[in-house]
Amino acid sequence: MTLFDLLFLAAAAASVATLITVTVLALRGQGSRALAYLRNFGVCAGIYLATSVAFAAFAPQRLIRLGSPWCFDDWCITVNRVDRVVKATLIDYTIGLRIFSRAGRVTQRAKGAWIYLIDDRGRRFSPVADPSEVPLDVLLQPGQSVDASRVFRIPADATGLGLVTGHGGGDYCGLMSILIIGSSGCLFDKPAMVRLQ
């Protein structure tokens, strides 16, 4: 967990506490105090979001090297290999993955895990459906790792390919990428990725 993750959790807890306080004050007939709390909350939320946008604008794109772990808390994935097979106007990319847990005591999974390739024109390519593959959200015991692979069928004109992954919303441009400072490659087309070419 990064410092920005902790900052987000603290901001979320403060937001809930503020909204509960505002509701209680409003129910007690203290509307002016409730509005003052809401005004202060709005200013703080605006500063937080402006900081997130500024960080996204000026931070470099995060590129993960082949063979390096890419972790989301204790759930991690590593791209171990990339094989290419050219088929006329298409290229099949077989991506070898290692999915593992850094957790020391608990089982875990990345619910709603997703993966796709993206090219330098912003086109997204989902993996070829194969029900026999190890699911990305496989349940992992503490310290366990599993090998998996995904095949992507890509037009031969695609260049600058990168692998993008995560869990939850199914897109690197989800709400959480904006709310957690340092996560938003979304606003400026700079997603964190494993560069393949």
N, C-alpha and C. Protein backbone atom coordinates (compact mmCIF):
# COMPACT_ATOMS: atom_id res chain seq x y z
N MET A 1 0.85 -1.17 0.00
CA MET A 1 0.00 0.00 0.00
C MET A 1 0.90 1.24 0.00
N THR A 2 0.59 2.16 -0.89
CA THR A 2 1.41 3.36 -1.02
C THR A 2 0.89 4.47 -0.10
N LEU A 3 1.69 5.52 0.00
CA LEU A 3 1.28 6.70 0.76
C LEU A 3 -0.01 7.30 0.19
N PHE A 4 -0.13 7.29 -1.15
CA PHE A 4 -1.33 7.85 -1.78
C PHE A 4 -2.56 6.99 -1.50
N ASP A 5 -2.38 5.67 -1.39
CA ASP A 5 -3.50 4.80 -1.01
C ASP A 5 -3.98 5.15 0.40
N LEU A 6 -3.03 5.34 1.31
CA LEU A 6 -3.38 5.71 2.68
C LEU A 6 -4.06 7.08 2.74
N LEU A 7 -3.56 8.01 1.93
CA LEU A 7 -4.18 9.34 1.87
C LEU A 7 -5.62 9.24 1.36
N PHE A 8 -5.85 8.40 0.35
CA PHE A 8 -7.21 8.20 -0.15
C PHE A 8 -8.11 7.63 0.93
N LEU A 9 -7.63 6.61 1.66
CA LEU A 9 -8.44 6.00 2.72
C LEU A 9 -8.78 7.02 3.81
N ALA A 10 -7.81 7.86 4.16
CA ALA A 10 -8.06 8.90 5.17
C ALA A 10 -9.08 9.91 4.65
N ALA A 11 -8.95 10.30 3.37
CA ALA A 11 -9.89 11.26 2.79
C ALA A 11 -11.30 10.66 2.70
N ALA A 12 -11.38 9.38 2.36
CA ALA A 12 -12.69 8.72 2.28
C ALA A 12 -13.34 8.65 3.66
N ALA A 13 -12.56 8.31 4.69
CA ALA A 13 -13.10 8.24 6.05
C ALA A 13 -13.55 9.64 6.51
N ALA A 14 -12.75 10.66 6.22
CA ALA A 14 -13.12 12.02 6.59
C ALA A 14 -14.38 12.47 5.85
N SER A 15 -14.52 12.04 4.59
CA SER A 15 -15.72 12.39 3.82
C SER A 15 -16.97 11.77 4.43
N VAL A 16 -16.89 10.51 4.80
CA VAL A 16 -18.04 9.84 5.42
C VAL A 16 -18.40 10.52 6.74
N ALA A 17 -17.38 10.80 7.56
CA ALA A 17 -17.63 11.46 8.85
C ALA A 17 -18.27 12.83 8.65
N THR A 18 -17.78 13.57 7.65
CA THR A 18 -18.33 14.90 7.38
C THR A 18 -19.79 14.82 6.93
N LEU A 19 -20.08 13.88 6.05
CA LEU A 19 -21.45 13.76 5.55
C LEU A 19 -22.42 13.30 6.65
N ILE A 20 -21.95 12.44 7.55
CA ILE A 20 -22.79 12.05 8.69
C ILE A 20 -23.04 13.25 9.59
N THR A 21 -21.99 14.02 9.86
CA THR A 21 -22.11 15.21 10.69
C THR A 21 -23.08 16.21 10.08
N VAL A 22 -22.96 16.44 8.78
CA VAL A 22 -23.85 17.38 8.08
C VAL A 22 -25.30 16.91 8.17
N THR A 23 -25.52 15.61 8.00
CA THR A 23 -26.88 15.06 8.08
C THR A 23 -27.47 15.26 9.47
N VAL A 24 -26.66 14.96 10.50
CA VAL A 24 -27.13 15.11 11.88
C VAL A 24 -27.45 16.58 12.18
N LEU A 25 -26.55 17.48 11.76
CA LEU A 25 -26.79 18.90 11.99
C LEU A 25 -28.06 19.37 11.28
N ALA A 26 -28.26 18.91 10.06
CA ALA A 26 -29.45 19.32 9.31
C ALA A 26 -30.72 18.80 9.99
N LEU A 27 -30.67 17.56 10.48
CA LEU A 27 -31.84 16.99 11.15
C LEU A 27 -32.15 17.70 12.47
N ARG A 28 -31.13 18.27 13.09
CA ARG A 28 -31.32 19.01 14.35
C ARG A 28 -31.69 20.47 14.11
N GLY A 29 -31.86 20.85 12.86
CA GLY A 29 -32.26 22.22 12.57
C GLY A 29 -31.11 23.20 12.56
N GLN A 30 -29.89 22.74 12.47
CA GLN A 30 -28.71 23.62 12.45
C GLN A 30 -28.18 23.73 11.02
N GLY A 31 -29.04 24.24 10.16
CA GLY A 31 -28.74 24.32 8.73
C GLY A 31 -27.52 25.15 8.40
N SER A 32 -27.32 26.28 9.12
CA SER A 32 -26.18 27.14 8.81
C SER A 32 -24.85 26.43 9.13
N ARG A 33 -24.82 25.71 10.24
CA ARG A 33 -23.60 24.93 10.57
C ARG A 33 -23.38 23.82 9.55
N ALA A 34 -24.47 23.16 9.14
CA ALA A 34 -24.36 22.09 8.14
C ALA A 34 -23.81 22.64 6.84
N LEU A 35 -24.29 23.82 6.42
CA LEU A 35 -23.79 24.44 5.19
C LEU A 35 -22.32 24.82 5.32
N ALA A 36 -21.91 25.29 6.49
CA ALA A 36 -20.50 25.63 6.70
C ALA A 36 -19.62 24.38 6.56
N TYR A 37 -20.07 23.27 7.15
CA TYR A 37 -19.33 22.01 7.00
C TYR A 37 -19.25 21.58 5.53
N LEU A 38 -20.39 21.72 4.84
CA LEU A 38 -20.41 21.33 3.42
C LEU A 38 -19.49 22.21 2.58
N ARG A 39 -19.47 23.50 2.89
CA ARG A 39 -18.59 24.42 2.16
C ARG A 39 -17.13 24.03 2.37
N ASN A 40 -16.75 23.79 3.61
CA ASN A 40 -15.37 23.38 3.89
C ASN A 40 -15.04 22.04 3.23
N PHE A 41 -16.01 21.12 3.26
CA PHE A 41 -15.81 19.83 2.61
C PHE A 41 -15.59 20.02 1.11
N GLY A 42 -16.38 20.88 0.49
CA GLY A 42 -16.24 21.15 -0.95
C GLY A 42 -14.87 21.71 -1.30
N VAL A 43 -14.38 22.64 -0.46
CA VAL A 43 -13.05 23.22 -0.69
C VAL A 43 -11.98 22.14 -0.59
N CYS A 44 -12.05 21.32 0.45
CA CYS A 44 -11.06 20.25 0.65
C CYS A 44 -11.12 19.23 -0.48
N ALA A 45 -12.34 18.85 -0.89
CA ALA A 45 -12.49 17.89 -1.99
C ALA A 45 -11.94 18.47 -3.29
N GLY A 46 -12.17 19.76 -3.52
CA GLY A 46 -11.64 20.41 -4.72
C GLY A 46 -10.12 20.43 -4.73
N ILE A 47 -9.51 20.73 -3.58
CA ILE A 47 -8.04 20.73 -3.49
C ILE A 47 -7.50 19.32 -3.73
N TYR A 48 -8.15 18.33 -3.15
CA TYR A 48 -7.72 16.93 -3.32
C TYR A 48 -7.77 16.53 -4.80
N LEU A 49 -8.91 16.82 -5.46
CA LEU A 49 -9.05 16.45 -6.87
C LEU A 49 -8.08 17.24 -7.76
N ALA A 50 -7.87 18.51 -7.46
CA ALA A 50 -6.91 19.30 -8.23
C ALA A 50 -5.50 18.74 -8.09
N THR A 51 -5.17 18.28 -6.89
CA THR A 51 -3.86 17.66 -6.67
C THR A 51 -3.72 16.39 -7.49
N SER A 52 -4.78 15.58 -7.53
CA SER A 52 -4.75 14.35 -8.31
C SER A 52 -4.57 14.64 -9.80
N VAL A 53 -5.30 15.63 -10.31
CA VAL A 53 -5.19 15.99 -11.73
C VAL A 53 -3.80 16.55 -12.03
N ALA A 54 -3.27 17.41 -11.17
CA ALA A 54 -1.94 17.98 -11.38
C ALA A 54 -0.87 16.89 -11.37
N PHE A 55 -0.99 15.97 -10.44
CA PHE A 55 -0.03 14.88 -10.37
C PHE A 55 -0.09 14.05 -11.66
N ALA A 56 -1.29 13.77 -12.15
CA ALA A 56 -1.45 12.99 -13.38
C ALA A 56 -0.87 13.73 -14.58
N ALA A 57 -1.00 15.05 -14.59
CA ALA A 57 -0.50 15.84 -15.72
C ALA A 57 1.02 15.85 -15.79
N PHE A 58 1.67 15.93 -14.63
CA PHE A 58 3.12 16.13 -14.63
C PHE A 58 3.94 14.87 -14.36
N ALA A 59 3.32 13.84 -13.83
CA ALA A 59 4.05 12.60 -13.56
C ALA A 59 4.29 11.86 -14.87
N PRO A 60 5.44 11.21 -15.01
CA PRO A 60 5.69 10.43 -16.22
C PRO A 60 4.82 9.17 -16.23
N GLN A 61 4.62 8.63 -17.42
CA GLN A 61 3.87 7.38 -17.54
C GLN A 61 4.66 6.26 -16.86
N ARG A 62 3.95 5.44 -16.11
CA ARG A 62 4.60 4.33 -15.41
C ARG A 62 4.69 3.13 -16.36
N LEU A 63 5.92 2.73 -16.68
CA LEU A 63 6.16 1.58 -17.54
C LEU A 63 6.80 0.47 -16.72
N ILE A 64 6.16 -0.69 -16.73
CA ILE A 64 6.66 -1.85 -15.98
C ILE A 64 7.42 -2.73 -16.96
N ARG A 65 8.61 -3.14 -16.59
CA ARG A 65 9.43 -3.96 -17.48
C ARG A 65 8.96 -5.40 -17.49
N LEU A 66 9.19 -6.08 -18.61
CA LEU A 66 8.92 -7.51 -18.68
C LEU A 66 9.65 -8.21 -17.54
N GLY A 67 8.98 -9.11 -16.87
CA GLY A 67 9.59 -9.86 -15.77
C GLY A 67 9.52 -9.17 -14.43
N SER A 68 9.05 -7.92 -14.40
CA SER A 68 8.93 -7.19 -13.13
C SER A 68 7.51 -7.33 -12.60
N PRO A 69 7.36 -7.50 -11.28
CA PRO A 69 6.01 -7.61 -10.73
C PRO A 69 5.26 -6.28 -10.78
N TRP A 70 3.98 -6.37 -11.04
CA TRP A 70 3.08 -5.23 -11.03
C TRP A 70 2.06 -5.55 -9.95
N CYS A 71 2.10 -4.84 -8.85
CA CYS A 71 1.30 -5.19 -7.68
C CYS A 71 0.21 -4.16 -7.39
N PHE A 72 -0.91 -4.68 -6.96
CA PHE A 72 -2.05 -3.90 -6.48
C PHE A 72 -2.28 -4.40 -5.06
N ASP A 73 -1.79 -3.68 -4.08
CA ASP A 73 -1.74 -4.17 -2.70
C ASP A 73 -0.91 -5.46 -2.69
N ASP A 74 -1.52 -6.58 -2.28
CA ASP A 74 -0.76 -7.84 -2.21
C ASP A 74 -1.00 -8.76 -3.41
N TRP A 75 -1.88 -8.37 -4.34
CA TRP A 75 -2.11 -9.15 -5.55
C TRP A 75 -1.18 -8.63 -6.63
N CYS A 76 -0.40 -9.54 -7.24
CA CYS A 76 0.59 -9.12 -8.22
C CYS A 76 0.49 -9.96 -9.49
N ILE A 77 0.95 -9.38 -10.56
CA ILE A 77 1.02 -10.08 -11.84
C ILE A 77 2.34 -9.72 -12.51
N THR A 78 2.93 -10.69 -13.17
CA THR A 78 4.19 -10.48 -13.89
C THR A 78 4.02 -11.01 -15.30
N VAL A 79 4.46 -10.23 -16.29
CA VAL A 79 4.50 -10.71 -17.68
C VAL A 79 5.86 -11.36 -17.87
N ASN A 80 5.85 -12.70 -18.00
CA ASN A 80 7.10 -13.45 -18.11
C ASN A 80 7.60 -13.60 -19.53
N ARG A 81 6.68 -13.70 -20.48
CA ARG A 81 7.11 -13.91 -21.86
C ARG A 81 6.05 -13.37 -22.82
N VAL A 82 6.53 -13.05 -24.03
CA VAL A 82 5.65 -12.59 -25.10
C VAL A 82 6.07 -13.32 -26.37
N ASP A 83 5.16 -14.11 -26.92
CA ASP A 83 5.41 -14.82 -28.18
C ASP A 83 4.52 -14.24 -29.25
N ARG A 84 5.08 -14.10 -30.45
CA ARG A 84 4.32 -13.55 -31.58
C ARG A 84 4.25 -14.56 -32.70
N VAL A 85 3.07 -14.69 -33.30
CA VAL A 85 2.88 -15.52 -34.49
C VAL A 85 2.14 -14.67 -35.51
N VAL A 86 2.79 -14.42 -36.66
CA VAL A 86 2.21 -13.58 -37.70
C VAL A 86 1.29 -14.43 -38.56
N LYS A 87 0.06 -13.93 -38.77
CA LYS A 87 -0.95 -14.62 -39.60
C LYS A 87 -1.55 -13.60 -40.56
N ALA A 88 -0.94 -13.42 -41.70
CA ALA A 88 -1.40 -12.48 -42.73
C ALA A 88 -1.53 -11.07 -42.14
N THR A 89 -2.76 -10.56 -41.99
CA THR A 89 -2.95 -9.19 -41.51
C THR A 89 -3.11 -9.12 -40.00
N LEU A 90 -2.96 -10.27 -39.32
CA LEU A 90 -3.10 -10.32 -37.87
C LEU A 90 -1.83 -10.88 -37.24
N ILE A 91 -1.62 -10.54 -35.99
CA ILE A 91 -0.53 -11.11 -35.21
C ILE A 91 -1.12 -11.62 -33.91
N ASP A 92 -0.86 -12.89 -33.62
CA ASP A 92 -1.28 -13.46 -32.34
C ASP A 92 -0.15 -13.26 -31.33
N TYR A 93 -0.48 -12.58 -30.24
CA TYR A 93 0.45 -12.40 -29.13
C TYR A 93 0.02 -13.33 -28.01
N THR A 94 0.90 -14.24 -27.61
CA THR A 94 0.64 -15.08 -26.45
C THR A 94 1.46 -14.52 -25.30
N ILE A 95 0.77 -14.10 -24.27
CA ILE A 95 1.41 -13.45 -23.12
C ILE A 95 1.44 -14.44 -21.97
N GLY A 96 2.64 -14.80 -21.51
CA GLY A 96 2.79 -15.66 -20.34
C GLY A 96 2.77 -14.84 -19.08
N LEU A 97 1.92 -15.22 -18.13
CA LEU A 97 1.72 -14.45 -16.90
C LEU A 97 2.01 -15.30 -15.67
N ARG A 98 2.45 -14.66 -14.63
CA ARG A 98 2.52 -15.28 -13.31
C ARG A 98 1.68 -14.40 -12.39
N ILE A 99 0.67 -14.99 -11.78
CA ILE A 99 -0.20 -14.28 -10.84
C ILE A 99 0.17 -14.76 -9.45
N PHE A 100 0.42 -13.83 -8.54
CA PHE A 100 0.84 -14.28 -7.21
C PHE A 100 0.38 -13.34 -6.11
N SER A 101 0.45 -13.86 -4.90
CA SER A 101 0.04 -13.10 -3.71
C SER A 101 1.26 -12.83 -2.84
N ARG A 102 1.39 -11.59 -2.40
CA ARG A 102 2.44 -11.26 -1.43
C ARG A 102 1.93 -11.32 0.00
N ALA A 103 0.65 -11.62 0.15
CA ALA A 103 0.05 -11.67 1.49
C ALA A 103 0.70 -12.78 2.30
N GLY A 104 0.90 -12.51 3.58
CA GLY A 104 1.54 -13.49 4.45
C GLY A 104 0.57 -14.39 5.20
N ARG A 105 -0.69 -13.96 5.32
CA ARG A 105 -1.61 -14.72 6.17
C ARG A 105 -2.98 -14.99 5.59
N VAL A 106 -3.40 -14.23 4.61
CA VAL A 106 -4.79 -14.34 4.15
C VAL A 106 -4.85 -14.81 2.70
N THR A 107 -5.95 -15.50 2.38
CA THR A 107 -6.21 -15.81 0.98
C THR A 107 -6.78 -14.57 0.33
N GLN A 108 -6.62 -14.47 -0.98
CA GLN A 108 -7.13 -13.29 -1.66
C GLN A 108 -7.33 -13.57 -3.13
N ARG A 109 -8.06 -12.67 -3.74
CA ARG A 109 -8.25 -12.67 -5.19
C ARG A 109 -8.48 -11.24 -5.62
N ALA A 110 -8.25 -10.98 -6.89
CA ALA A 110 -8.50 -9.65 -7.45
C ALA A 110 -9.86 -9.70 -8.15
N LYS A 111 -10.91 -9.42 -7.39
CA LYS A 111 -12.26 -9.50 -7.95
C LYS A 111 -12.39 -8.52 -9.11
N GLY A 112 -12.97 -9.02 -10.18
CA GLY A 112 -13.18 -8.18 -11.36
C GLY A 112 -11.90 -7.88 -12.11
N ALA A 113 -10.86 -8.74 -11.98
CA ALA A 113 -9.59 -8.49 -12.67
C ALA A 113 -9.81 -8.51 -14.18
N TRP A 114 -9.09 -7.65 -14.88
CA TRP A 114 -9.20 -7.53 -16.33
C TRP A 114 -7.82 -7.29 -16.92
N ILE A 115 -7.73 -7.53 -18.21
CA ILE A 115 -6.46 -7.35 -18.91
C ILE A 115 -6.76 -7.09 -20.38
N TYR A 116 -5.98 -6.22 -21.00
CA TYR A 116 -6.08 -6.03 -22.44
C TYR A 116 -4.79 -5.39 -22.94
N LEU A 117 -4.64 -5.38 -24.25
CA LEU A 117 -3.53 -4.67 -24.88
C LEU A 117 -4.06 -3.37 -25.45
N ILE A 118 -3.20 -2.38 -25.49
CA ILE A 118 -3.56 -1.07 -26.03
C ILE A 118 -2.43 -0.63 -26.95
N ASP A 119 -2.78 0.00 -28.08
CA ASP A 119 -1.73 0.47 -28.98
C ASP A 119 -1.57 1.98 -28.86
N ASP A 120 -0.62 2.52 -29.63
CA ASP A 120 -0.33 3.95 -29.49
C ASP A 120 -1.44 4.85 -30.04
N ARG A 121 -2.44 4.27 -30.67
CA ARG A 121 -3.61 5.04 -31.12
C ARG A 121 -4.76 4.93 -30.13
N GLY A 122 -4.54 4.24 -29.01
CA GLY A 122 -5.56 4.11 -27.99
C GLY A 122 -6.55 2.98 -28.24
N ARG A 123 -6.31 2.15 -29.27
CA ARG A 123 -7.20 1.02 -29.52
C ARG A 123 -6.94 -0.06 -28.47
N ARG A 124 -8.02 -0.66 -27.99
CA ARG A 124 -7.92 -1.69 -26.96
C ARG A 124 -8.27 -3.05 -27.55
N PHE A 125 -7.50 -4.05 -27.15
CA PHE A 125 -7.68 -5.39 -27.67
C PHE A 125 -7.83 -6.36 -26.50
N SER A 126 -8.99 -6.99 -26.43
CA SER A 126 -9.27 -7.96 -25.38
C SER A 126 -8.66 -9.31 -25.75
N PRO A 127 -8.39 -10.16 -24.75
CA PRO A 127 -7.86 -11.49 -25.07
C PRO A 127 -8.92 -12.35 -25.75
N VAL A 128 -8.44 -13.31 -26.52
CA VAL A 128 -9.32 -14.29 -27.15
C VAL A 128 -9.95 -15.13 -26.04
N ALA A 129 -11.26 -15.28 -26.08
CA ALA A 129 -11.97 -16.02 -25.03
C ALA A 129 -11.55 -17.50 -25.05
N ASP A 130 -11.19 -18.01 -23.88
CA ASP A 130 -10.81 -19.42 -23.72
C ASP A 130 -11.21 -19.85 -22.31
N PRO A 131 -12.31 -20.58 -22.17
CA PRO A 131 -12.79 -20.95 -20.83
C PRO A 131 -11.85 -21.87 -20.06
N SER A 132 -10.87 -22.47 -20.74
CA SER A 132 -9.94 -23.37 -20.04
C SER A 132 -8.80 -22.63 -19.35
N GLU A 133 -8.68 -21.32 -19.59
CA GLU A 133 -7.58 -20.55 -19.00
C GLU A 133 -7.78 -20.34 -17.51
N VAL A 134 -6.67 -20.19 -16.80
CA VAL A 134 -6.71 -19.83 -15.38
C VAL A 134 -7.30 -18.43 -15.28
N PRO A 135 -8.36 -18.24 -14.48
CA PRO A 135 -8.94 -16.89 -14.37
C PRO A 135 -7.98 -15.93 -13.67
N LEU A 136 -8.03 -14.68 -14.06
CA LEU A 136 -7.18 -13.67 -13.43
C LEU A 136 -7.52 -13.50 -11.95
N ASP A 137 -8.78 -13.73 -11.60
CA ASP A 137 -9.19 -13.56 -10.20
C ASP A 137 -9.18 -14.88 -9.42
N VAL A 138 -8.24 -15.74 -9.80
CA VAL A 138 -8.10 -17.03 -9.11
C VAL A 138 -7.83 -16.79 -7.62
N LEU A 139 -8.41 -17.62 -6.77
CA LEU A 139 -8.19 -17.51 -5.32
C LEU A 139 -6.78 -17.98 -4.99
N LEU A 140 -6.01 -17.14 -4.32
CA LEU A 140 -4.61 -17.44 -3.98
C LEU A 140 -4.45 -17.59 -2.49
N GLN A 141 -3.75 -18.63 -2.11
CA GLN A 141 -3.36 -18.82 -0.71
C GLN A 141 -2.20 -17.87 -0.41
N PRO A 142 -1.87 -17.64 0.87
CA PRO A 142 -0.75 -16.74 1.19
C PRO A 142 0.54 -17.19 0.49
N GLY A 143 1.16 -16.29 -0.26
CA GLY A 143 2.41 -16.57 -0.94
C GLY A 143 2.29 -17.44 -2.17
N GLN A 144 1.09 -17.84 -2.56
CA GLN A 144 0.91 -18.74 -3.70
C GLN A 144 1.08 -18.00 -5.02
N SER A 145 1.55 -18.72 -6.04
CA SER A 145 1.62 -18.18 -7.40
C SER A 145 1.08 -19.22 -8.37
N VAL A 146 0.50 -18.74 -9.46
CA VAL A 146 0.00 -19.61 -10.53
C VAL A 146 0.44 -19.02 -11.86
N ASP A 147 0.67 -19.91 -12.82
CA ASP A 147 1.00 -19.47 -14.17
C ASP A 147 -0.26 -19.43 -15.00
N ALA A 148 -0.34 -18.46 -15.88
CA ALA A 148 -1.49 -18.30 -16.76
C ALA A 148 -0.99 -17.72 -18.08
N SER A 149 -1.85 -17.69 -19.05
CA SER A 149 -1.50 -17.04 -20.32
C SER A 149 -2.76 -16.50 -20.96
N ARG A 150 -2.58 -15.54 -21.85
CA ARG A 150 -3.67 -14.96 -22.61
C ARG A 150 -3.18 -14.77 -24.04
N VAL A 151 -4.07 -15.02 -25.00
CA VAL A 151 -3.77 -14.82 -26.41
C VAL A 151 -4.56 -13.60 -26.90
N PHE A 152 -3.86 -12.73 -27.59
CA PHE A 152 -4.48 -11.53 -28.15
C PHE A 152 -4.27 -11.55 -29.66
N ARG A 153 -5.33 -11.33 -30.42
CA ARG A 153 -5.27 -11.27 -31.88
C ARG A 153 -5.30 -9.80 -32.27
N ILE A 154 -4.17 -9.31 -32.81
CA ILE A 154 -3.97 -7.88 -33.02
C ILE A 154 -3.75 -7.59 -34.51
N PRO A 155 -4.33 -6.53 -35.04
CA PRO A 155 -4.03 -6.15 -36.43
C PRO A 155 -2.54 -5.85 -36.60
N ALA A 156 -2.00 -6.21 -37.74
CA ALA A 156 -0.56 -6.05 -37.98
C ALA A 156 -0.13 -4.58 -37.95
N ASP A 157 -1.07 -3.65 -38.16
CA ASP A 157 -0.70 -2.23 -38.17
C ASP A 157 -0.62 -1.61 -36.77
N ALA A 158 -0.91 -2.40 -35.73
CA ALA A 158 -0.86 -1.88 -34.36
C ALA A 158 0.60 -1.72 -33.93
N THR A 159 0.93 -0.55 -33.42
CA THR A 159 2.30 -0.29 -32.95
C THR A 159 2.25 0.25 -31.52
N GLY A 160 3.38 0.20 -30.85
CA GLY A 160 3.47 0.72 -29.49
C GLY A 160 2.62 -0.05 -28.51
N LEU A 161 2.52 -1.36 -28.66
CA LEU A 161 1.64 -2.15 -27.82
C LEU A 161 2.10 -2.20 -26.37
N GLY A 162 1.12 -2.13 -25.48
CA GLY A 162 1.38 -2.28 -24.05
C GLY A 162 0.26 -3.09 -23.42
N LEU A 163 0.59 -3.82 -22.37
CA LEU A 163 -0.40 -4.59 -21.62
C LEU A 163 -0.86 -3.76 -20.44
N VAL A 164 -2.17 -3.64 -20.30
CA VAL A 164 -2.79 -2.87 -19.21
C VAL A 164 -3.64 -3.83 -18.40
N THR A 165 -3.56 -3.75 -17.09
CA THR A 165 -4.33 -4.65 -16.23
C THR A 165 -4.80 -3.91 -14.98
N GLY A 166 -5.69 -4.54 -14.28
CA GLY A 166 -6.21 -3.99 -13.03
C GLY A 166 -7.38 -4.82 -12.57
N HIS A 167 -8.13 -4.31 -11.62
CA HIS A 167 -9.33 -5.01 -11.18
C HIS A 167 -10.37 -3.98 -10.78
N GLY A 168 -11.60 -4.41 -10.76
CA GLY A 168 -12.69 -3.49 -10.45
C GLY A 168 -13.40 -3.08 -11.72
N GLY A 169 -13.34 -1.82 -12.07
CA GLY A 169 -14.15 -1.26 -13.14
C GLY A 169 -13.93 -1.75 -14.55
N GLY A 170 -12.91 -2.53 -14.81
CA GLY A 170 -12.70 -3.05 -16.15
C GLY A 170 -12.02 -2.09 -17.10
N ASP A 171 -11.41 -1.04 -16.56
CA ASP A 171 -10.82 -0.03 -17.40
C ASP A 171 -9.80 0.76 -16.57
N TYR A 172 -8.67 1.09 -17.18
CA TYR A 172 -7.68 1.88 -16.44
C TYR A 172 -8.18 3.28 -16.16
N CYS A 173 -9.28 3.65 -16.78
CA CYS A 173 -9.80 5.01 -16.65
C CYS A 173 -11.02 5.04 -15.74
N GLY A 174 -11.04 4.20 -14.72
CA GLY A 174 -12.17 4.18 -13.81
C GLY A 174 -12.09 5.29 -12.77
N LEU A 175 -13.14 5.39 -12.00
CA LEU A 175 -13.24 6.44 -10.98
C LEU A 175 -12.08 6.37 -9.98
N MET A 176 -11.69 5.16 -9.58
CA MET A 176 -10.63 5.04 -8.58
C MET A 176 -9.29 5.56 -9.11
N SER A 177 -9.08 5.47 -10.42
CA SER A 177 -7.82 5.96 -10.97
C SER A 177 -7.71 7.47 -10.82
N ILE A 178 -8.84 8.15 -10.72
CA ILE A 178 -8.83 9.60 -10.52
C ILE A 178 -8.78 9.95 -9.03
N LEU A 179 -9.45 9.14 -8.21
CA LEU A 179 -9.52 9.45 -6.79
C LEU A 179 -8.25 9.12 -6.02
N ILE A 180 -7.47 8.16 -6.51
CA ILE A 180 -6.20 7.85 -5.83
C ILE A 180 -5.09 8.61 -6.54
N ILE A 181 -4.50 9.55 -5.86
CA ILE A 181 -3.45 10.38 -6.43
C ILE A 181 -2.33 9.49 -6.94
N GLY A 182 -1.87 9.76 -8.15
CA GLY A 182 -0.79 8.99 -8.74
C GLY A 182 -1.24 7.80 -9.56
N SER A 183 -2.55 7.54 -9.60
CA SER A 183 -3.04 6.39 -10.36
C SER A 183 -3.61 6.77 -11.71
N SER A 184 -3.83 8.04 -11.96
CA SER A 184 -4.60 8.43 -13.14
C SER A 184 -3.73 8.65 -14.36
N GLY A 185 -3.61 7.60 -15.16
CA GLY A 185 -3.07 7.78 -16.49
C GLY A 185 -4.21 8.11 -17.44
N CYS A 186 -5.40 8.03 -16.91
CA CYS A 186 -6.63 8.17 -17.68
C CYS A 186 -6.76 9.55 -18.34
N LEU A 187 -6.59 10.57 -17.56
CA LEU A 187 -6.88 11.92 -18.04
C LEU A 187 -5.93 12.39 -19.13
N PHE A 188 -4.74 11.83 -19.17
CA PHE A 188 -3.73 12.31 -20.11
C PHE A 188 -3.17 11.18 -20.97
N ASP A 189 -3.97 10.12 -21.16
CA ASP A 189 -3.59 8.97 -22.00
C ASP A 189 -2.20 8.44 -21.65
N LYS A 190 -1.97 8.25 -20.35
CA LYS A 190 -0.69 7.71 -19.88
C LYS A 190 -0.95 6.54 -18.92
N PRO A 191 -1.63 5.48 -19.37
CA PRO A 191 -1.89 4.39 -18.43
C PRO A 191 -0.60 3.68 -18.04
N ALA A 192 -0.55 3.20 -16.81
CA ALA A 192 0.54 2.32 -16.42
C ALA A 192 0.42 1.06 -17.28
N MET A 193 1.56 0.55 -17.77
CA MET A 193 1.51 -0.61 -18.66
C MET A 193 2.84 -1.33 -18.70
N VAL A 194 2.76 -2.56 -19.18
CA VAL A 194 3.95 -3.33 -19.53
C VAL A 194 4.13 -3.11 -21.03
N ARG A 195 5.20 -2.42 -21.42
CA ARG A 195 5.44 -2.13 -22.82
C ARG A 195 5.91 -3.41 -23.52
N LEU A 196 5.24 -3.78 -24.61
CA LEU A 196 5.57 -5.01 -25.33
C LEU A 196 6.41 -4.76 -26.57
N GLN A 197 6.34 -3.56 -27.12
CA GLN A 197 7.16 -3.25 -28.30
C GLN A 197 7.54 -1.79 -28.31
